[in-house]
């Protein structure tokens, strides 16, 4: 059953009527409703293009959080071969919100790390809804160290509302773990490329996305805080999330203009959840394009280019 967002209600009605006609035809083959169903399909397609051609920042947040949107595990299974999962931070535990390991990407050995939200109630609880604890960031650091030691490029897939703010996480050094993960990204002598495939929330995302090249899916978001959190702080009213989303400039289009990201990966009409295979293939092509040329650079050049990228961040938008 398709999950419709609140702004997709007109589309839901049209597609619902088309499905009713098809159900009628299945139960009574003599019923000729093919033309009516086809007309409704065309109307739905036009409506879909119209809706997704003018999404507001808040609507993009809703699309980025869509429960049927492909997640990290889906991308890894589709794009990477010889995937070997590595677990644990060698200190406290294995954080299920972060998954990573060694794999081949288009015949190139890489280390891939990502945040996994889960796809149903059980897996979402197990994955803590993609919110990593300190051991998750320490696991990522361990994997990045491994990549650096063996000269393997690092690919990160970002999809998190933010780092987990629970008491236990804070007691075990959440902020320190995030800072060290960010520092590790900056110090790597191997290329690191990152794709924001859904939500890129706060330092929990930056700890994975401090990369030589950063891409975002067309309807993903990347911000210092969630719109609801921003609204609660600024206006003491979480219902002001629409205004907050506008002010945060969290869309891929805003961030490309500001020089925060390097490229936008186009999604199928209606979002990645409408055609996961096409979305995943597009992300694969973007990763390949971002890795191209980086593997021929020396460790010193890789670090210097990464440093320049982050020192110059925002200048592009200010100059415009």
Protein backbone atom coordinates (compact mmCIF):
# COMPACT_ATOMS: atom_id res chain seq x y z
CA UNK A 1 0.00 0.00 0.00
CA UNK A 2 1.39 3.38 -1.04
CA UNK A 3 2.14 5.83 1.78
CA UNK A 4 0.99 9.32 0.78
CA UNK A 5 2.30 12.51 2.36
CA UNK A 6 -0.21 15.18 3.38
CA UNK A 7 0.49 17.37 0.32
CA UNK A 8 -0.09 14.35 -1.97
CA UNK A 9 -3.77 13.93 -1.03
CA UNK A 10 -5.11 15.12 -4.44
CA UNK A 11 -2.82 12.56 -6.08
CA UNK A 12 -3.98 9.83 -3.69
CA UNK A 13 -7.61 10.39 -4.74
CA UNK A 14 -6.82 10.10 -8.45
CA UNK A 15 -4.64 7.00 -8.07
CA UNK A 16 -7.22 5.49 -5.74
CA UNK A 17 -9.97 5.88 -8.34
CA UNK A 18 -7.75 4.34 -11.03
CA UNK A 19 -7.05 1.34 -8.79
CA UNK A 20 -10.78 0.95 -8.07
CA UNK A 21 -11.45 0.73 -11.81
CA UNK A 22 -8.75 -1.91 -12.22
CA UNK A 23 -10.14 -3.90 -9.28
CA UNK A 24 -13.57 -3.73 -10.92
CA UNK A 25 -12.10 -5.04 -14.18
CA UNK A 26 -10.34 -7.90 -12.37
CA UNK A 27 -13.55 -8.99 -10.65
CA UNK A 28 -15.60 -8.63 -13.83
CA UNK A 29 -13.50 -9.12 -17.00
CA UNK A 30 -16.41 -7.99 -19.18
CA UNK A 31 -16.19 -4.49 -17.71
CA UNK A 32 -14.38 -2.20 -20.12
CA UNK A 33 -12.74 0.50 -18.04
CA UNK A 34 -9.33 0.56 -19.70
CA UNK A 35 -9.72 4.03 -21.23
CA UNK A 36 -11.00 5.57 -18.00
CA UNK A 37 -8.14 4.04 -15.98
CA UNK A 38 -5.57 5.21 -18.55
CA UNK A 39 -7.01 8.74 -18.44
CA UNK A 40 -6.74 8.76 -14.64
CA UNK A 41 -3.16 7.47 -14.85
CA UNK A 42 -2.22 10.35 -17.13
CA UNK A 43 -3.94 12.83 -14.83
CA UNK A 44 -2.06 11.36 -11.86
CA UNK A 45 1.25 11.57 -13.71
CA UNK A 46 0.64 15.23 -14.57
CA UNK A 47 -0.40 15.94 -10.98
CA UNK A 48 2.76 14.23 -9.68
CA UNK A 49 5.01 16.33 -11.91
CA UNK A 50 3.22 19.49 -10.84
CA UNK A 51 3.50 18.71 -7.13
CA UNK A 52 7.17 17.70 -7.22
CA UNK A 53 8.10 20.55 -9.52
CA UNK A 54 7.46 23.09 -6.77
CA UNK A 55 8.11 21.50 -3.38
CA UNK A 56 8.66 23.83 -0.44
CA UNK A 57 11.62 23.21 1.93
CA UNK A 58 9.25 21.70 4.52
CA UNK A 59 7.74 19.38 1.92
CA UNK A 60 11.26 18.29 0.96
CA UNK A 61 11.84 17.41 4.62
CA UNK A 62 8.78 15.19 4.50
CA UNK A 63 9.99 13.49 1.31
CA UNK A 64 13.47 12.98 2.81
CA UNK A 65 11.82 11.19 5.76
CA UNK A 66 9.45 9.09 3.66
CA UNK A 67 9.25 5.60 5.20
CA UNK A 68 9.45 3.91 1.78
CA UNK A 69 12.54 5.84 0.68
CA UNK A 70 15.53 3.52 0.03
CA UNK A 71 17.93 3.41 2.98
CA UNK A 72 21.63 2.73 3.43
CA UNK A 73 21.25 -1.07 3.43
CA UNK A 74 19.37 -0.92 0.12
CA UNK A 75 22.15 1.10 -1.51
CA UNK A 76 24.91 -1.13 -0.20
CA UNK A 77 23.21 -4.34 -1.34
CA UNK A 78 22.52 -2.92 -4.82
CA UNK A 79 25.73 -1.02 -5.55
CA UNK A 80 28.53 -2.89 -3.79
CA UNK A 81 29.93 -6.37 -4.42
CA UNK A 82 31.80 -8.66 -2.03
CA UNK A 83 30.34 -6.69 0.86
CA UNK A 84 31.87 -7.74 4.20
CA UNK A 85 30.23 -6.22 7.26
CA UNK A 86 32.57 -5.18 10.08
CA UNK A 87 31.11 -4.63 13.54
CA UNK A 88 31.95 -3.05 16.88
CA UNK A 89 34.03 -0.14 18.13
CA UNK A 90 36.49 -2.43 20.02
CA UNK A 91 35.57 -0.58 23.21
CA UNK A 92 31.91 -0.77 24.23
CA UNK A 93 29.46 -2.27 21.72
CA UNK A 94 28.27 -2.53 18.14
CA UNK A 95 25.92 0.31 17.19
CA UNK A 96 23.27 -0.98 14.77
CA UNK A 97 22.50 2.57 13.57
CA UNK A 98 25.85 2.58 11.76
CA UNK A 99 26.80 -0.11 9.27
CA UNK A 100 30.10 -0.35 7.49
CA UNK A 101 32.65 -2.65 5.98
CA UNK A 102 34.86 -3.50 3.02
CA UNK A 103 33.40 -3.94 -0.46
CA UNK A 104 34.00 -3.48 -4.15
CA UNK A 105 32.39 -0.60 -5.99
CA UNK A 106 32.48 -1.20 -9.74
CA UNK A 107 35.52 -3.43 -9.23
CA UNK A 108 37.31 -0.87 -7.02
CA UNK A 109 37.96 -1.89 -3.39
CA UNK A 110 36.49 0.65 -0.96
CA UNK A 111 35.35 1.07 2.62
CA UNK A 112 31.67 1.99 2.83
CA UNK A 113 30.00 3.43 5.96
CA UNK A 114 26.42 4.59 6.41
CA UNK A 115 23.57 5.28 8.79
CA UNK A 116 20.66 2.84 8.60
CA UNK A 117 17.17 3.80 9.82
CA UNK A 118 15.41 0.46 9.31
CA UNK A 119 12.35 -0.32 7.20
CA UNK A 120 9.73 -1.55 9.68
CA UNK A 121 8.93 -1.10 13.37
CA UNK A 122 11.24 -3.85 14.58
CA UNK A 123 14.25 -2.83 12.48
CA UNK A 124 13.73 0.88 13.21
CA UNK A 125 13.89 0.21 16.94
CA UNK A 126 16.91 -2.04 16.46
CA UNK A 127 18.62 0.66 14.34
CA UNK A 128 17.53 3.42 16.75
CA UNK A 129 15.94 5.24 13.79
CA UNK A 130 19.38 5.99 12.35
CA UNK A 131 20.53 7.95 15.42
CA UNK A 132 24.04 6.79 16.27
CA UNK A 133 25.47 6.52 19.76
CA UNK A 134 29.17 7.19 20.52
CA UNK A 135 30.11 3.61 19.65
CA UNK A 136 28.67 4.14 16.18
CA UNK A 137 31.00 7.06 15.50
CA UNK A 138 33.92 5.15 17.04
CA UNK A 139 33.14 2.22 14.75
CA UNK A 140 33.23 4.64 11.79
CA UNK A 141 36.61 5.97 12.99
CA UNK A 142 37.95 2.41 13.19
CA UNK A 143 36.83 1.72 9.63
CA UNK A 144 38.31 4.99 8.36
CA UNK A 145 41.62 4.08 10.03
CA UNK A 146 41.50 0.74 8.23
CA UNK A 147 40.83 2.50 4.91
CA UNK A 148 43.75 4.87 5.48
CA UNK A 149 46.09 2.00 6.36
CA UNK A 150 45.31 0.06 3.19
CA UNK A 151 44.82 3.00 0.83
CA UNK A 152 41.11 2.41 0.21
CA UNK A 153 38.71 5.25 -0.73
CA UNK A 154 35.86 5.81 1.73
CA UNK A 155 32.22 6.11 0.65
CA UNK A 156 29.71 7.36 3.24
CA UNK A 157 25.92 7.32 2.97
CA UNK A 158 24.27 9.87 5.26
CA UNK A 159 20.72 9.43 6.53
CA UNK A 160 20.12 10.49 10.12
CA UNK A 161 17.91 12.92 12.07
CA UNK A 162 21.02 13.53 14.19
CA UNK A 163 23.14 11.82 16.83
CA UNK A 164 21.26 10.12 19.67
CA UNK A 165 20.87 12.57 22.61
CA UNK A 166 20.15 9.98 25.32
CA UNK A 167 21.70 10.01 28.79
CA UNK A 168 23.82 6.92 28.19
CA UNK A 169 25.19 8.33 24.95
CA UNK A 170 26.15 11.58 26.68
CA UNK A 171 27.79 9.66 29.54
CA UNK A 172 29.91 7.71 27.03
CA UNK A 173 31.13 10.88 25.29
CA UNK A 174 28.76 11.57 22.42
CA UNK A 175 30.10 15.02 21.51
CA UNK A 176 33.71 13.83 21.73
CA UNK A 177 32.98 10.87 19.46
CA UNK A 178 31.30 13.11 16.86
CA UNK A 179 34.21 15.57 16.98
CA UNK A 180 36.78 12.79 16.58
CA UNK A 181 34.88 11.31 13.65
CA UNK A 182 34.82 14.72 11.95
CA UNK A 183 38.52 15.16 12.70
CA UNK A 184 39.26 11.72 11.27
CA UNK A 185 37.44 12.61 8.04
CA UNK A 186 39.61 15.72 7.71
CA UNK A 187 42.88 13.87 8.39
CA UNK A 188 42.39 10.93 6.02
CA UNK A 189 45.03 10.55 3.34
CA UNK A 190 42.59 8.66 1.12
CA UNK A 191 39.65 10.18 -0.77
CA UNK A 192 36.29 10.29 0.97
CA UNK A 193 33.04 10.89 -0.91
CA UNK A 194 29.66 11.27 0.72
CA UNK A 195 26.04 11.19 -0.40
CA UNK A 196 23.14 12.52 1.68
CA UNK A 197 20.44 10.01 0.72
CA UNK A 198 17.73 11.24 3.11
CA UNK A 199 18.18 13.40 6.18
CA UNK A 200 21.50 15.01 7.02
CA UNK A 201 20.90 16.11 10.57
CA UNK A 202 23.35 18.22 12.58
CA UNK A 203 26.79 17.03 13.74
CA UNK A 204 25.59 13.45 13.43
CA UNK A 205 25.69 13.94 9.65
CA UNK A 206 28.78 16.18 9.50
CA UNK A 207 30.78 13.42 11.24
CA UNK A 208 30.27 11.29 8.09
CA UNK A 209 30.05 14.00 5.43
CA UNK A 210 33.29 15.94 5.95
CA UNK A 211 34.41 14.68 2.58
CA UNK A 212 36.36 15.64 -0.54
CA UNK A 213 33.13 15.46 -2.52
CA UNK A 214 29.59 15.69 -1.15
CA UNK A 215 26.40 14.98 -3.12
CA UNK A 216 22.75 15.14 -2.14
CA UNK A 217 19.72 13.47 -3.61
CA UNK A 218 17.39 16.07 -5.11
CA UNK A 219 14.81 15.90 -2.29
CA UNK A 220 17.14 15.18 0.62
CA UNK A 221 17.91 17.77 3.32
CA UNK A 222 21.05 18.74 5.24
CA UNK A 223 21.00 21.17 8.17
CA UNK A 224 22.45 22.10 11.53
CA UNK A 225 19.15 21.26 13.27
CA UNK A 226 15.74 19.89 12.36
CA UNK A 227 13.04 22.43 11.41
CA UNK A 228 11.01 21.36 14.47
CA UNK A 229 14.01 21.83 16.78
CA UNK A 230 14.81 25.22 15.26
CA UNK A 231 11.19 26.38 15.63
CA UNK A 232 11.09 25.22 19.26
CA UNK A 233 14.20 27.25 20.08
CA UNK A 234 13.49 30.42 18.10
CA UNK A 235 9.71 30.69 18.42
CA UNK A 236 9.00 28.28 21.32
CA UNK A 237 6.56 26.65 18.92
CA UNK A 238 7.35 23.45 16.97
CA UNK A 239 4.41 24.21 14.64
CA UNK A 240 6.55 26.96 13.07
CA UNK A 241 8.60 24.24 11.34
CA UNK A 242 7.61 25.49 7.88
CA UNK A 243 9.11 28.92 8.55
CA UNK A 244 12.17 27.28 10.11
CA UNK A 245 12.70 25.04 7.07
CA UNK A 246 12.72 28.14 4.85
CA UNK A 247 15.21 29.95 7.10
CA UNK A 248 17.60 27.00 7.42
CA UNK A 249 18.35 26.77 3.66
CA UNK A 250 18.47 23.00 4.04
CA UNK A 251 17.58 21.90 0.51
CA UNK A 252 20.07 20.46 -1.96
CA UNK A 253 19.47 23.44 -4.25
CA UNK A 254 20.30 25.97 -1.50
CA UNK A 255 23.38 24.07 -0.39
CA UNK A 256 24.77 23.69 -3.89
CA UNK A 257 24.41 27.44 -4.37
CA UNK A 258 26.27 28.06 -1.10
CA UNK A 259 29.06 25.66 -2.05
CA UNK A 260 28.32 23.28 0.84
CA UNK A 261 27.76 20.37 -1.55
CA UNK A 262 29.25 19.59 -4.94
CA UNK A 263 26.41 18.00 -6.86
CA UNK A 264 22.71 17.18 -6.82
CA UNK A 265 21.59 13.68 -7.77
CA UNK A 266 18.30 13.81 -9.65
CA UNK A 267 15.49 11.66 -8.26
CA UNK A 268 12.69 9.95 -10.18
CA UNK A 269 9.54 12.06 -10.50
CA UNK A 270 7.71 11.71 -7.20
CA UNK A 271 10.84 11.02 -5.16
CA UNK A 272 13.24 8.11 -4.66
CA UNK A 273 10.51 6.00 -3.03
CA UNK A 274 8.53 5.96 -6.30
CA UNK A 275 11.35 4.22 -8.19
CA UNK A 276 14.05 2.99 -5.77
CA UNK A 277 16.03 1.14 -8.45
CA UNK A 278 16.43 4.29 -10.56
CA UNK A 279 17.37 6.38 -7.53
CA UNK A 280 19.96 3.84 -6.39
CA UNK A 281 21.46 3.64 -9.89
CA UNK A 282 21.72 7.45 -10.03
CA UNK A 283 23.54 7.49 -6.69
CA UNK A 284 25.94 4.84 -8.01
CA UNK A 285 26.75 7.00 -11.02
CA UNK A 286 27.32 10.02 -8.75
CA UNK A 287 29.71 8.06 -6.50
CA UNK A 288 31.66 6.88 -9.55
CA UNK A 289 31.90 10.43 -10.91
CA UNK A 290 33.06 11.84 -7.55
CA UNK A 291 35.70 9.12 -7.08
CA UNK A 292 37.07 9.63 -10.59
CA UNK A 293 40.46 11.29 -10.44
CA UNK A 294 40.66 11.42 -6.64
CA UNK A 295 42.36 8.02 -6.40
CA UNK A 296 45.30 9.36 -8.42
CA UNK A 297 46.03 12.14 -5.92
CA UNK A 298 48.68 11.90 -3.22
CA UNK A 299 47.67 11.80 0.46
CA UNK A 300 48.96 15.35 0.89
CA UNK A 301 46.91 16.64 -2.06
CA UNK A 302 43.77 14.84 -0.86
CA UNK A 303 44.07 16.49 2.57
CA UNK A 304 44.86 19.95 1.15
CA UNK A 305 41.92 19.85 -1.27
CA UNK A 306 39.57 18.80 1.52
CA UNK A 307 40.86 21.61 3.72
CA UNK A 308 40.38 24.21 0.97
CA UNK A 309 36.87 22.96 0.33
CA UNK A 310 35.76 23.52 3.90
CA UNK A 311 37.58 26.81 4.41
CA UNK A 312 35.89 28.16 1.28
CA UNK A 313 32.44 26.94 2.19
CA UNK A 314 29.74 29.59 1.84
CA UNK A 315 31.91 32.00 -0.15
CA UNK A 316 30.23 30.97 -3.42
CA UNK A 317 26.79 32.01 -2.16
CA UNK A 318 28.05 35.26 -0.59
CA UNK A 319 29.78 36.31 -3.79
CA UNK A 320 26.57 35.75 -5.75
